Amino acid sequence: MFSLALKKSKGLEQYLARTAKKLNGSSTLRVGFLEGAKYPNGTPVALVAAVQNFGAPSRGIPPRPFFSSMVRERQSEWPDRIEQALKATDSDANKALQQVGHSIVADLKQSIMDTNEPRLKQATIDRKGFEKPLIDTGVLISSVDFEVS
């Protein structure tokens, strides 16, 4: 067994105070389709994303859980990503969350690209000219964003 006793020192106190100040304690990371993202006709991108993710049976739209599945598959990695980012940024919470935000945006965009099921209806394929679900005008995927506050 190994034990270590830290003696109170001005240097240690100053270091801990600087680190605590950098962590801010109240930084928040939001990733997804933020409030200002809209289609050219004014439809909020978040609304379209929710309908695609959860489906709208009354409108004949099946669920394509690109967002839910990404969260389920990746959320266990996020604490480690935050820890690594805090180390890389000398415990600057805002910079660390910026780094993690970029990586989660990449994960969400990849999930959109990887979604292929359920298959589109033939009428939709004919209208679009290709079979890829969740990709049409490019607004959905280009609207994935994050903010740190």
Protein backbone atom coordinates (compact mmCIF):
# COMPACT_ATOMS: atom_id res chain seq x y z
CA MET A 1 0.00 0.00 0.00
CA PHE A 2 1.18 3.45 -0.87
CA SER A 3 -0.02 6.63 0.74
CA LEU A 4 0.80 10.21 0.05
CA ALA A 5 0.24 13.19 2.26
CA LEU A 6 0.08 16.61 0.68
CA LYS A 7 1.24 19.47 2.78
CA LYS A 8 -0.53 22.75 2.44
CA SER A 9 1.49 25.05 0.26
CA LYS A 10 0.84 28.39 -1.35
CA GLY A 11 1.87 27.00 -4.77
CA LEU A 12 -0.60 24.11 -4.55
CA GLU A 13 -3.39 26.42 -3.43
CA GLN A 14 -2.70 28.81 -6.30
CA TYR A 15 -2.63 25.96 -8.82
CA LEU A 16 -5.94 24.57 -7.54
CA ALA A 17 -7.53 28.04 -7.58
CA ARG A 18 -6.40 28.61 -11.19
CA THR A 19 -7.73 25.21 -12.23
CA ALA A 20 -11.08 25.76 -10.50
CA LYS A 21 -11.43 29.15 -12.21
CA LYS A 22 -10.79 27.60 -15.64
CA LEU A 23 -13.43 24.92 -15.08
CA ASN A 24 -16.06 27.63 -14.59
CA GLY A 25 -18.45 25.07 -13.07
CA SER A 26 -21.33 26.07 -15.31
CA SER A 27 -20.34 25.43 -18.92
CA THR A 28 -22.95 23.68 -21.03
CA LEU A 29 -22.57 21.92 -24.38
CA ARG A 30 -25.60 21.58 -26.67
CA VAL A 31 -25.31 19.53 -29.87
CA GLY A 32 -27.95 19.03 -32.52
CA PHE A 33 -30.20 21.31 -34.53
CA LEU A 34 -30.15 24.70 -32.87
CA GLU A 35 -33.01 27.18 -32.77
CA GLY A 36 -31.95 29.34 -35.73
CA ALA A 37 -31.59 26.48 -38.22
CA LYS A 38 -34.41 26.63 -40.78
CA TYR A 39 -35.24 25.35 -44.22
CA PRO A 40 -35.69 28.00 -46.95
CA ASN A 41 -39.48 27.85 -46.41
CA GLY A 42 -39.02 28.65 -42.69
CA THR A 43 -39.57 25.14 -41.31
CA PRO A 44 -37.32 24.56 -38.28
CA VAL A 45 -34.68 21.93 -39.01
CA ALA A 46 -35.15 20.57 -35.47
CA LEU A 47 -38.78 19.76 -36.29
CA VAL A 48 -37.85 17.84 -39.44
CA ALA A 49 -35.05 16.05 -37.56
CA ALA A 50 -37.46 14.99 -34.79
CA VAL A 51 -40.01 13.71 -37.31
CA GLN A 52 -37.32 11.74 -39.14
CA ASN A 53 -35.81 10.39 -35.92
CA PHE A 54 -39.09 9.31 -34.27
CA GLY A 55 -41.30 8.93 -37.32
CA ALA A 56 -44.80 10.25 -38.03
CA PRO A 57 -47.02 7.22 -38.66
CA SER A 58 -50.06 9.35 -39.48
CA ARG A 59 -48.08 10.92 -42.34
CA GLY A 60 -46.53 7.63 -43.48
CA ILE A 61 -43.05 8.53 -42.21
CA PRO A 62 -41.28 5.63 -40.47
CA PRO A 63 -38.75 6.27 -37.70
CA ARG A 64 -35.12 6.55 -38.75
CA PRO A 65 -33.49 6.97 -35.32
CA PHE A 66 -30.23 8.54 -36.50
CA PHE A 67 -30.02 10.85 -33.49
CA SER A 68 -31.29 8.46 -30.80
CA SER A 69 -29.02 5.65 -31.95
CA MET A 70 -25.97 7.95 -32.08
CA VAL A 71 -26.60 9.08 -28.50
CA ARG A 72 -27.16 5.50 -27.31
CA GLU A 73 -24.02 4.23 -29.05
CA ARG A 74 -21.67 7.12 -28.22
CA GLN A 75 -22.71 8.68 -24.91
CA SER A 76 -20.50 6.36 -22.86
CA GLU A 77 -17.47 7.83 -24.70
CA TRP A 78 -18.26 11.44 -23.87
CA PRO A 79 -16.88 11.59 -20.31
CA ASP A 80 -13.52 10.28 -21.58
CA ARG A 81 -13.56 12.78 -24.45
CA ILE A 82 -14.22 15.59 -22.00
CA GLU A 83 -11.46 14.38 -19.70
CA GLN A 84 -8.98 14.21 -22.58
CA ALA A 85 -10.03 17.63 -23.82
CA LEU A 86 -9.65 19.13 -20.34
CA LYS A 87 -6.12 17.75 -20.17
CA ALA A 88 -5.31 19.06 -23.65
CA THR A 89 -6.63 22.54 -22.82
CA ASP A 90 -5.07 22.87 -19.37
CA SER A 91 -8.53 22.47 -17.78
CA ASP A 92 -10.20 25.24 -19.78
CA ALA A 93 -13.82 24.05 -19.76
CA ASN A 94 -14.98 26.24 -22.65
CA LYS A 95 -12.13 25.15 -24.92
CA ALA A 96 -12.59 21.51 -23.90
CA LEU A 97 -16.32 21.59 -24.63
CA GLN A 98 -15.62 23.26 -27.99
CA GLN A 99 -13.37 20.32 -28.89
CA VAL A 100 -15.91 17.76 -27.74
CA GLY A 101 -18.70 19.64 -29.52
CA HIS A 102 -16.86 19.34 -32.83
CA SER A 103 -16.38 15.60 -32.31
CA ILE A 104 -20.05 14.97 -31.44
CA VAL A 105 -21.15 17.01 -34.48
CA ALA A 106 -18.97 14.70 -36.59
CA ASP A 107 -20.59 11.66 -34.93
CA LEU A 108 -24.09 12.97 -35.65
CA LYS A 109 -23.29 13.76 -39.27
CA GLN A 110 -21.82 10.28 -39.69
CA SER A 111 -24.98 8.78 -38.22
CA ILE A 112 -27.06 10.67 -40.79
CA MET A 113 -24.80 9.36 -43.57
CA ASP A 114 -24.92 5.80 -42.21
CA THR A 115 -28.73 5.65 -42.00
CA ASN A 116 -30.09 3.54 -44.82
CA GLU A 117 -33.18 1.92 -43.29
CA PRO A 118 -36.03 1.81 -43.62
CA ARG A 119 -35.89 2.12 -47.36
CA LEU A 120 -37.55 5.13 -48.94
CA LYS A 121 -40.85 4.76 -50.74
CA GLN A 122 -40.49 4.48 -54.51
CA ALA A 123 -42.28 7.82 -55.00
CA THR A 124 -39.67 9.53 -52.83
CA ILE A 125 -36.82 7.86 -54.69
CA ASP A 126 -38.35 8.96 -57.99
CA ARG A 127 -38.72 12.56 -56.75
CA LYS A 128 -35.17 12.74 -55.32
CA GLY A 129 -33.47 10.66 -57.98
CA PHE A 130 -31.59 8.55 -55.42
CA GLU A 131 -32.29 6.16 -52.53
CA LYS A 132 -30.47 7.75 -49.56
CA PRO A 133 -32.75 8.49 -46.58
CA LEU A 134 -32.18 11.72 -44.62
CA ILE A 135 -30.30 13.30 -47.53
CA ASP A 136 -32.24 15.47 -49.93
CA THR A 137 -31.38 19.18 -50.05
CA GLY A 138 -28.46 18.91 -47.62
CA VAL A 139 -30.05 21.29 -45.12
CA LEU A 140 -30.46 18.67 -42.37
CA ILE A 141 -26.85 17.48 -42.35
CA SER A 142 -25.37 20.95 -42.83
CA SER A 143 -27.44 22.26 -39.90
CA VAL A 144 -25.88 19.96 -37.30
CA ASP A 145 -24.16 22.32 -34.90
CA PHE A 146 -23.19 22.92 -31.29
CA GLU A 147 -22.92 25.72 -28.79
CA VAL A 148 -21.10 26.14 -25.52
CA SER A 149 -22.62 28.46 -22.96
